[in-house]
């Protein structure tokens, strides 16, 4: 499993989500999942951020760096990803004992996976689990990081989880910026309320011959619904989230820039 290949595959997010209550390792899924450590709880240099990128309820998805946020947002807008669990801790008896006795370990000491994704595999239509380690490209050959990666891979093999390593270099600036822009329109919104209108909006958008800037295209489609431009952007973002619309991420999502929709899918 590779996230980039998965994101290229068309598909729609099944809604409402039906996420397994526990995974093969016995860890809670969905809204019941609690990250082992929130970003602000780990000592050492980091950019603590507990992001509202969860697809299940209002749980947080901790991030320790901007590059982790990039990967999280890509997962958020991949319609095949059902659940995003950050700081996935797998048991180490010695470390458990140290934590129970009040020790605050450094992040690198913890046997954790940066992300564990629950995926509805488009090729098999089965639920699978995919772990992601987020590392900058210039750190991937470090001996300590290799040992940690090998430890993570061995754990994943035991339970049939796939594994890959990604970093900010995996997601270009334009694509990352688009994900942030889309998310800004969805933040604080009730996705249940947006599902049906986003699907209807996407039908007109996917069949429309309208071309031009984002303001022009989305504004024209929005008029059919009696919407202003701001509401049109909100439904567009929801349509991308649910997989009703596929946006060409090589073009920036900006009001005065050309909006390119991959209508052939």
C-alpha atoms as a PDB file:
ATOM      1  CA  UNK A   1       0.000   0.000   0.000  1.00  0.00           C
ATOM      2  CA  UNK A   2       1.237   3.491  -0.901  1.00  0.00           C
ATOM      3  CA  UNK A   3      -0.677   6.626   0.008  1.00  0.00           C
ATOM      4  CA  UNK A   4       0.228   8.484  -3.188  1.00  0.00           C
ATOM      5  CA  UNK A   5      -1.066   5.649  -5.391  1.00  0.00           C
ATOM      6  CA  UNK A   6      -4.178   5.375  -3.246  1.00  0.00           C
ATOM      7  CA  UNK A   7      -4.915   9.083  -3.691  1.00  0.00           C
ATOM      8  CA  UNK A   8      -4.831   8.745  -7.476  1.00  0.00           C
ATOM      9  CA  UNK A   9      -7.562   6.113  -7.389  1.00  0.00           C
ATOM     10  CA  UNK A  10     -11.080   7.576  -7.824  1.00  0.00           C
ATOM     11  CA  UNK A  11     -13.606   6.661  -5.185  1.00  0.00           C
ATOM     12  CA  UNK A  12     -16.205   7.978  -2.789  1.00  0.00           C
ATOM     13  CA  UNK A  13     -16.008   8.012   0.972  1.00  0.00           C
ATOM     14  CA  UNK A  14     -18.731   5.701   2.368  1.00  0.00           C
ATOM     15  CA  UNK A  15     -20.930   7.882   4.545  1.00  0.00           C
ATOM     16  CA  UNK A  16     -21.799   7.637   7.340  1.00  0.00           C
ATOM     17  CA  UNK A  17     -18.504   5.998   8.200  1.00  0.00           C
ATOM     18  CA  UNK A  18     -18.496   2.482   9.560  1.00  0.00           C
ATOM     19  CA  UNK A  19     -15.087   1.995  11.165  1.00  0.00           C
ATOM     20  CA  UNK A  20     -14.202  -1.257  12.979  1.00  0.00           C
ATOM     21  CA  UNK A  21     -14.417  -0.707  16.730  1.00  0.00           C
ATOM     22  CA  UNK A  22     -11.007  -2.315  17.229  1.00  0.00           C
ATOM     23  CA  UNK A  23      -8.196  -3.277  14.881  1.00  0.00           C
ATOM     24  CA  UNK A  24      -6.386  -6.661  14.751  1.00  0.00           C
ATOM     25  CA  UNK A  25      -3.989  -5.453  17.469  1.00  0.00           C
ATOM     26  CA  UNK A  26      -6.934  -4.661  19.753  1.00  0.00           C
ATOM     27  CA  UNK A  27      -6.627  -0.855  19.643  1.00  0.00           C
ATOM     28  CA  UNK A  28      -9.799   1.245  19.537  1.00  0.00           C
ATOM     29  CA  UNK A  29     -10.808   2.832  16.258  1.00  0.00           C
ATOM     30  CA  UNK A  30     -12.934   5.830  15.342  1.00  0.00           C
ATOM     31  CA  UNK A  31     -13.963   8.381  17.940  1.00  0.00           C
ATOM     32  CA  UNK A  32     -12.995   6.013  20.772  1.00  0.00           C
ATOM     33  CA  UNK A  33      -9.304   6.135  19.865  1.00  0.00           C
ATOM     34  CA  UNK A  34      -7.066   8.105  22.212  1.00  0.00           C
ATOM     35  CA  UNK A  35      -3.545   8.998  20.989  1.00  0.00           C
ATOM     36  CA  UNK A  36      -0.873   7.669  23.333  1.00  0.00           C
ATOM     37  CA  UNK A  37       0.639  11.126  23.726  1.00  0.00           C
ATOM     38  CA  UNK A  38      -0.688  14.439  22.551  1.00  0.00           C
ATOM     39  CA  UNK A  39       1.848  16.632  20.816  1.00  0.00           C
ATOM     40  CA  UNK A  40       2.207  18.980  23.774  1.00  0.00           C
ATOM     41  CA  UNK A  41       3.023  16.086  26.133  1.00  0.00           C
ATOM     42  CA  UNK A  42       6.260  15.004  24.483  1.00  0.00           C
ATOM     43  CA  UNK A  43       9.445  16.644  25.674  1.00  0.00           C
ATOM     44  CA  UNK A  44      11.974  17.953  23.208  1.00  0.00           C
ATOM     45  CA  UNK A  45      11.731  20.302  20.246  1.00  0.00           C
ATOM     46  CA  UNK A  46       8.514  20.067  18.293  1.00  0.00           C
ATOM     47  CA  UNK A  47       5.663  22.097  16.909  1.00  0.00           C
ATOM     48  CA  UNK A  48       2.849  20.816  19.130  1.00  0.00           C
ATOM     49  CA  UNK A  49      -0.439  20.821  17.308  1.00  0.00           C
ATOM     50  CA  UNK A  50      -3.567  18.832  18.081  1.00  0.00           C
ATOM     51  CA  UNK A  51      -5.376  19.111  14.760  1.00  0.00           C
ATOM     52  CA  UNK A  52      -9.096  18.607  14.098  1.00  0.00           C
ATOM     53  CA  UNK A  53      -8.327  16.367  11.115  1.00  0.00           C
ATOM     54  CA  UNK A  54     -10.158  13.329  12.431  1.00  0.00           C
ATOM     55  CA  UNK A  55     -12.862  11.902  10.193  1.00  0.00           C
ATOM     56  CA  UNK A  56     -14.643  10.516  13.247  1.00  0.00           C
ATOM     57  CA  UNK A  57     -16.244  12.996  15.623  1.00  0.00           C
ATOM     58  CA  UNK A  58     -14.153  15.783  17.090  1.00  0.00           C
ATOM     59  CA  UNK A  59     -11.066  13.842  18.127  1.00  0.00           C
ATOM     60  CA  UNK A  60      -7.646  15.425  17.721  1.00  0.00           C
ATOM     61  CA  UNK A  61      -4.875  14.173  15.451  1.00  0.00           C
ATOM     62  CA  UNK A  62      -1.603  15.185  17.129  1.00  0.00           C
ATOM     63  CA  UNK A  63       1.251  16.449  14.972  1.00  0.00           C
ATOM     64  CA  UNK A  64       4.817  17.234  15.972  1.00  0.00           C
ATOM     65  CA  UNK A  65       5.822  19.023  12.789  1.00  0.00           C
ATOM     66  CA  UNK A  66       4.525  20.787   9.713  1.00  0.00           C
ATOM     67  CA  UNK A  67       5.405  17.773   7.577  1.00  0.00           C
ATOM     68  CA  UNK A  68       3.194  15.534   9.733  1.00  0.00           C
ATOM     69  CA  UNK A  69       0.357  17.990   9.189  1.00  0.00           C
ATOM     70  CA  UNK A  70       0.875  17.757   5.433  1.00  0.00           C
ATOM     71  CA  UNK A  71       0.537  14.001   5.469  1.00  0.00           C
ATOM     72  CA  UNK A  72      -2.465  14.132   7.810  1.00  0.00           C
ATOM     73  CA  UNK A  73      -4.308  16.555   5.543  1.00  0.00           C
ATOM     74  CA  UNK A  74      -3.601  14.395   2.501  1.00  0.00           C
ATOM     75  CA  UNK A  75      -5.150  11.467   4.384  1.00  0.00           C
ATOM     76  CA  UNK A  76      -8.115  13.631   5.378  1.00  0.00           C
ATOM     77  CA  UNK A  77      -8.923  14.321   1.729  1.00  0.00           C
ATOM     78  CA  UNK A  78      -8.342  10.771   0.498  1.00  0.00           C
ATOM     79  CA  UNK A  79     -11.816   9.185   0.148  1.00  0.00           C
ATOM     80  CA  UNK A  80     -10.421   5.687   0.742  1.00  0.00           C
ATOM     81  CA  UNK A  81      -9.107   6.577   4.228  1.00  0.00           C
ATOM     82  CA  UNK A  82     -11.760   5.872   6.855  1.00  0.00           C
ATOM     83  CA  UNK A  83      -9.797   6.644  10.005  1.00  0.00           C
ATOM     84  CA  UNK A  84      -6.629   8.561  10.903  1.00  0.00           C
ATOM     85  CA  UNK A  85      -4.986   7.571  14.182  1.00  0.00           C
ATOM     86  CA  UNK A  86      -1.846   9.450  15.193  1.00  0.00           C
ATOM     87  CA  UNK A  87       0.775   8.441  17.759  1.00  0.00           C
ATOM     88  CA  UNK A  88      -0.222   4.790  17.597  1.00  0.00           C
ATOM     89  CA  UNK A  89       1.557   3.095  20.495  1.00  0.00           C
ATOM     90  CA  UNK A  90       2.342  -0.588  20.397  1.00  0.00           C
ATOM     91  CA  UNK A  91       3.188  -2.254  23.662  1.00  0.00           C
ATOM     92  CA  UNK A  92       6.694  -2.453  24.982  1.00  0.00           C
ATOM     93  CA  UNK A  93       6.706  -3.911  28.524  1.00  0.00           C
ATOM     94  CA  UNK A  94       9.811  -2.029  29.650  1.00  0.00           C
ATOM     95  CA  UNK A  95       8.495   1.295  28.360  1.00  0.00           C
ATOM     96  CA  UNK A  96       5.047   0.651  29.879  1.00  0.00           C
ATOM     97  CA  UNK A  97       6.689   0.185  33.262  1.00  0.00           C
ATOM     98  CA  UNK A  98       8.719   3.364  32.926  1.00  0.00           C
ATOM     99  CA  UNK A  99       5.655   5.411  31.976  1.00  0.00           C
ATOM    100  CA  UNK A 100       3.604   3.978  34.843  1.00  0.00           C
ATOM    101  CA  UNK A 101       6.365   5.093  37.187  1.00  0.00           C
ATOM    102  CA  UNK A 102       6.163   8.683  36.038  1.00  0.00           C
ATOM    103  CA  UNK A 103       8.882   8.744  33.394  1.00  0.00           C
ATOM    104  CA  UNK A 104       8.304  11.105  30.459  1.00  0.00           C
ATOM    105  CA  UNK A 105      10.201   9.515  27.589  1.00  0.00           C
ATOM    106  CA  UNK A 106      11.494  11.391  24.601  1.00  0.00           C
ATOM    107  CA  UNK A 107       9.442  10.917  21.470  1.00  0.00           C
ATOM    108  CA  UNK A 108      12.100   8.838  19.718  1.00  0.00           C
ATOM    109  CA  UNK A 109      12.159   6.368  22.614  1.00  0.00           C
ATOM    110  CA  UNK A 110       8.508   5.447  22.224  1.00  0.00           C
ATOM    111  CA  UNK A 111       7.478   2.467  20.101  1.00  0.00           C
ATOM    112  CA  UNK A 112       4.901   4.515  18.217  1.00  0.00           C
ATOM    113  CA  UNK A 113       3.776   4.854  14.624  1.00  0.00           C
ATOM    114  CA  UNK A 114       3.197   8.421  13.464  1.00  0.00           C
ATOM    115  CA  UNK A 115      -0.001   7.448  11.669  1.00  0.00           C
ATOM    116  CA  UNK A 116      -2.150   4.355  11.437  1.00  0.00           C
ATOM    117  CA  UNK A 117      -4.723   4.542   8.656  1.00  0.00           C
ATOM    118  CA  UNK A 118      -7.846   2.448   8.326  1.00  0.00           C
ATOM    119  CA  UNK A 119      -8.451   2.102   4.593  1.00  0.00           C
ATOM    120  CA  UNK A 120     -11.284   0.804   2.489  1.00  0.00           C
ATOM    121  CA  UNK A 121      -9.036  -0.707  -0.177  1.00  0.00           C
ATOM    122  CA  UNK A 122     -10.434   0.201  -3.633  1.00  0.00           C
ATOM    123  CA  UNK A 123      -8.815  -2.832  -5.260  1.00  0.00           C
ATOM    124  CA  UNK A 124     -10.221  -5.463  -2.894  1.00  0.00           C
ATOM    125  CA  UNK A 125     -13.079  -3.602  -1.164  1.00  0.00           C
ATOM    126  CA  UNK A 126     -11.702  -4.847   2.150  1.00  0.00           C
ATOM    127  CA  UNK A 127     -10.691  -2.876   5.226  1.00  0.00           C
ATOM    128  CA  UNK A 128      -6.906  -2.802   5.622  1.00  0.00           C
ATOM    129  CA  UNK A 129      -4.468  -0.997   7.910  1.00  0.00           C
ATOM    130  CA  UNK A 130      -1.541   1.077   6.736  1.00  0.00           C
ATOM    131  CA  UNK A 131       1.141   2.633   8.953  1.00  0.00           C
ATOM    132  CA  UNK A 132       3.075   5.753   8.006  1.00  0.00           C
ATOM    133  CA  UNK A 133       6.317   6.990   9.480  1.00  0.00           C
ATOM    134  CA  UNK A 134       6.873  10.666   8.744  1.00  0.00           C
ATOM    135  CA  UNK A 135      10.532  11.506   8.213  1.00  0.00           C
ATOM    136  CA  UNK A 136      12.332  14.202   6.296  1.00  0.00           C
ATOM    137  CA  UNK A 137      14.218  12.854   3.310  1.00  0.00           C
ATOM    138  CA  UNK A 138      17.664  13.706   4.683  1.00  0.00           C
ATOM    139  CA  UNK A 139      17.039  11.705   7.881  1.00  0.00           C
ATOM    140  CA  UNK A 140      15.918   8.433   6.331  1.00  0.00           C
ATOM    141  CA  UNK A 141      19.437   7.015   6.087  1.00  0.00           C
ATOM    142  CA  UNK A 142      20.286   7.765   9.721  1.00  0.00           C
ATOM    143  CA  UNK A 143      21.236   4.561  11.579  1.00  0.00           C
ATOM    144  CA  UNK A 144      18.925   5.313  14.528  1.00  0.00           C
ATOM    145  CA  UNK A 145      16.029   5.998  12.222  1.00  0.00           C
ATOM    146  CA  UNK A 146      16.706   2.787  10.317  1.00  0.00           C
ATOM    147  CA  UNK A 147      16.617   0.783  13.548  1.00  0.00           C
ATOM    148  CA  UNK A 148      13.368   2.431  14.518  1.00  0.00           C
ATOM    149  CA  UNK A 149      11.924   1.786  11.073  1.00  0.00           C
ATOM    150  CA  UNK A 150      12.888  -1.888  11.252  1.00  0.00           C
ATOM    151  CA  UNK A 151      11.218  -2.161  14.665  1.00  0.00           C
ATOM    152  CA  UNK A 152       8.050  -0.587  13.258  1.00  0.00           C
ATOM    153  CA  UNK A 153       8.038  -2.831  10.194  1.00  0.00           C
ATOM    154  CA  UNK A 154       8.446  -5.974  12.279  1.00  0.00           C
ATOM    155  CA  UNK A 155       5.461  -4.977  14.395  1.00  0.00           C
ATOM    156  CA  UNK A 156       3.326  -4.272  11.324  1.00  0.00           C
ATOM    157  CA  UNK A 157       4.195  -7.619   9.758  1.00  0.00           C
ATOM    158  CA  UNK A 158       2.838  -9.475  12.783  1.00  0.00           C
ATOM    159  CA  UNK A 159      -0.650  -8.068  12.199  1.00  0.00           C
ATOM    160  CA  UNK A 160      -0.741  -7.778   8.426  1.00  0.00           C
ATOM    161  CA  UNK A 161      -0.365  -3.999   8.421  1.00  0.00           C
ATOM    162  CA  UNK A 162       1.477  -2.335   5.544  1.00  0.00           C
ATOM    163  CA  UNK A 163       4.102   0.346   6.152  1.00  0.00           C
ATOM    164  CA  UNK A 164       5.725   3.236   4.331  1.00  0.00           C
ATOM    165  CA  UNK A 165       7.827   6.284   5.056  1.00  0.00           C
ATOM    166  CA  UNK A 166       6.758   9.733   3.843  1.00  0.00           C
ATOM    167  CA  UNK A 167       7.775  13.329   4.408  1.00  0.00           C
ATOM    168  CA  UNK A 168       6.938  16.861   3.349  1.00  0.00           C
ATOM    169  CA  UNK A 169       8.808  16.170   0.110  1.00  0.00           C
ATOM    170  CA  UNK A 170       6.035  13.685  -0.724  1.00  0.00           C
ATOM    171  CA  UNK A 171       3.527  16.537  -1.055  1.00  0.00           C
ATOM    172  CA  UNK A 172       4.452  19.613  -3.145  1.00  0.00           C
ATOM    173  CA  UNK A 173       3.728  23.111  -1.847  1.00  0.00           C
ATOM    174  CA  UNK A 174       0.789  23.661  -4.187  1.00  0.00           C
ATOM    175  CA  UNK A 175      -0.934  20.432  -3.183  1.00  0.00           C
ATOM    176  CA  UNK A 176      -0.343  21.065   0.517  1.00  0.00           C
ATOM    177  CA  UNK A 177      -1.698  24.597   0.129  1.00  0.00           C
ATOM    178  CA  UNK A 178      -4.810  23.277  -1.594  1.00  0.00           C
ATOM    179  CA  UNK A 179      -5.454  20.839   1.224  1.00  0.00           C
ATOM    180  CA  UNK A 180      -5.191  23.645   3.784  1.00  0.00           C
ATOM    181  CA  UNK A 181      -7.510  25.852   1.713  1.00  0.00           C
ATOM    182  CA  UNK A 182     -10.100  23.087   1.352  1.00  0.00           C
ATOM    183  CA  UNK A 183      -9.915  22.309   5.046  1.00  0.00           C
ATOM    184  CA  UNK A 184     -10.454  25.966   5.962  1.00  0.00           C
ATOM    185  CA  UNK A 185     -13.865  25.830   4.269  1.00  0.00           C
ATOM    186  CA  UNK A 186     -14.850  22.645   6.127  1.00  0.00           C
ATOM    187  CA  UNK A 187     -13.622  23.477   9.609  1.00  0.00           C
ATOM    188  CA  UNK A 188     -16.459  23.753  12.146  1.00  0.00           C
ATOM    189  CA  UNK A 189     -18.939  22.391   9.594  1.00  0.00           C
ATOM    190  CA  UNK A 190     -21.321  19.495  10.172  1.00  0.00           C
ATOM    191  CA  UNK A 191     -20.305  16.990   7.494  1.00  0.00           C
ATOM    192  CA  UNK A 192     -23.583  15.103   7.820  1.00  0.00           C
ATOM    193  CA  UNK A 193     -25.446  18.237   6.759  1.00  0.00           C
ATOM    194  CA  UNK A 194     -23.102  18.789   3.825  1.00  0.00           C
ATOM    195  CA  UNK A 195     -23.224  15.286   2.352  1.00  0.00           C
ATOM    196  CA  UNK A 196     -26.401  15.540   0.256  1.00  0.00           C
ATOM    197  CA  UNK A 197     -25.970  19.127  -1.014  1.00  0.00           C
ATOM    198  CA  UNK A 198     -22.299  18.432  -1.825  1.00  0.00           C
ATOM    199  CA  UNK A 199     -23.338  15.423  -3.904  1.00  0.00           C
ATOM    200  CA  UNK A 200     -25.904  17.510  -5.805  1.00  0.00           C
ATOM    201  CA  UNK A 201     -23.416  20.345  -6.249  1.00  0.00           C
ATOM    202  CA  UNK A 202     -20.816  17.918  -7.621  1.00  0.00           C
ATOM    203  CA  UNK A 203     -23.258  16.600 -10.224  1.00  0.00           C
ATOM    204  CA  UNK A 204     -23.610  20.053 -11.763  1.00  0.00           C
ATOM    205  CA  UNK A 205     -19.904  20.757 -11.452  1.00  0.00           C
ATOM    206  CA  UNK A 206     -18.791  17.478 -13.050  1.00  0.00           C
ATOM    207  CA  UNK A 207     -21.183  17.910 -15.994  1.00  0.00           C
ATOM    208  CA  UNK A 208     -20.661  21.638 -16.463  1.00  0.00           C
ATOM    209  CA  UNK A 209     -18.564  23.030 -19.298  1.00  0.00           C
ATOM    210  CA  UNK A 210     -17.761  26.126 -17.274  1.00  0.00           C
ATOM    211  CA  UNK A 211     -14.104  27.089 -17.326  1.00  0.00           C
ATOM    212  CA  UNK A 212     -12.093  29.831 -15.725  1.00  0.00           C
ATOM    213  CA  UNK A 213     -11.130  30.970 -12.271  1.00  0.00           C
ATOM    214  CA  UNK A 214     -12.377  29.291  -9.111  1.00  0.00           C
ATOM    215  CA  UNK A 215     -14.612  32.288  -8.367  1.00  0.00           C
ATOM    216  CA  UNK A 216     -16.134  32.161 -11.849  1.00  0.00           C
ATOM    217  CA  UNK A 217     -16.736  28.407 -12.015  1.00  0.00           C
ATOM    218  CA  UNK A 218     -17.935  27.871  -8.458  1.00  0.00           C
ATOM    219  CA  UNK A 219     -19.938  31.086  -8.523  1.00  0.00           C
ATOM    220  CA  UNK A 220     -21.779  29.969 -11.663  1.00  0.00           C
ATOM    221  CA  UNK A 221     -22.616  26.550 -10.221  1.00  0.00           C
ATOM    222  CA  UNK A 222     -23.607  28.133  -6.915  1.00  0.00           C
ATOM    223  CA  UNK A 223     -26.173  30.377  -8.586  1.00  0.00           C
ATOM    224  CA  UNK A 224     -28.117  27.272  -9.584  1.00  0.00           C
ATOM    225  CA  UNK A 225     -28.477  26.530  -5.881  1.00  0.00           C
ATOM    226  CA  UNK A 226     -29.148  30.110  -4.844  1.00  0.00           C
ATOM    227  CA  UNK A 227     -25.781  30.205  -3.057  1.00  0.00           C
ATOM    228  CA  UNK A 228     -23.221  32.924  -2.637  1.00  0.00           C
ATOM    229  CA  UNK A 229     -19.580  32.310  -3.537  1.00  0.00           C
ATOM    230  CA  UNK A 230     -18.542  31.462   0.043  1.00  0.00           C
ATOM    231  CA  UNK A 231     -21.162  28.721   0.320  1.00  0.00           C
ATOM    232  CA  UNK A 232     -20.138  27.431  -3.118  1.00  0.00           C
ATOM    233  CA  UNK A 233     -16.554  27.014  -1.912  1.00  0.00           C
ATOM    234  CA  UNK A 234     -17.833  25.173   1.158  1.00  0.00           C
ATOM    235  CA  UNK A 235     -19.814  22.685  -0.936  1.00  0.00           C
ATOM    236  CA  UNK A 236     -16.883  22.293  -3.305  1.00  0.00           C
ATOM    237  CA  UNK A 237     -14.560  21.439  -0.401  1.00  0.00           C
ATOM    238  CA  UNK A 238     -17.103  18.943   0.911  1.00  0.00           C
ATOM    239  CA  UNK A 239     -17.439  17.405  -2.553  1.00  0.00           C
ATOM    240  CA  UNK A 240     -13.663  16.884  -2.689  1.00  0.00           C
ATOM    241  CA  UNK A 241     -13.683  15.423   0.830  1.00  0.00           C
ATOM    242  CA  UNK A 242     -16.398  12.887  -0.018  1.00  0.00           C
ATOM    243  CA  UNK A 243     -14.755  12.024  -3.346  1.00  0.00           C
ATOM    244  CA  UNK A 244     -17.583  13.388  -5.496  1.00  0.00           C
ATOM    245  CA  UNK A 245     -15.175  15.750  -7.232  1.00  0.00           C
ATOM    246  CA  UNK A 246     -11.517  15.281  -8.134  1.00  0.00           C
ATOM    247  CA  UNK A 247      -9.448  18.436  -8.297  1.00  0.00           C
ATOM    248  CA  UNK A 248      -6.181  18.665 -10.223  1.00  0.00           C
ATOM    249  CA  UNK A 249      -3.847  19.412  -7.325  1.00  0.00           C
ATOM    250  CA  UNK A 250      -1.093  20.766  -9.558  1.00  0.00           C
ATOM    251  CA  UNK A 251      -3.155  23.961  -9.878  1.00  0.00           C
ATOM    252  CA  UNK A 252      -3.597  26.245  -6.834  1.00  0.00           C
ATOM    253  CA  UNK A 253      -7.071  26.685  -5.366  1.00  0.00           C
ATOM    254  CA  UNK A 254      -7.254  30.467  -5.437  1.00  0.00           C
ATOM    255  CA  UNK A 255     -10.076  32.827  -6.333  1.00  0.00           C
ATOM    256  CA  UNK A 256      -8.338  34.292  -9.391  1.00  0.00           C
ATOM    257  CA  UNK A 257      -6.567  31.130 -10.558  1.00  0.00           C
ATOM    258  CA  UNK A 258      -7.916  28.596 -13.039  1.00  0.00           C
ATOM    259  CA  UNK A 259      -9.894  25.781 -11.414  1.00  0.00           C
ATOM    260  CA  UNK A 260      -9.114  22.423 -13.022  1.00  0.00           C
ATOM    261  CA  UNK A 261     -11.517  19.548 -12.344  1.00  0.00           C
ATOM    262  CA  UNK A 262     -10.718  15.982 -13.406  1.00  0.00           C
ATOM    263  CA  UNK A 263     -14.154  15.435 -14.940  1.00  0.00           C
ATOM    264  CA  UNK A 264     -13.227  12.278 -16.854  1.00  0.00           C
ATOM    265  CA  UNK A 265     -13.607  10.245 -13.640  1.00  0.00           C
END
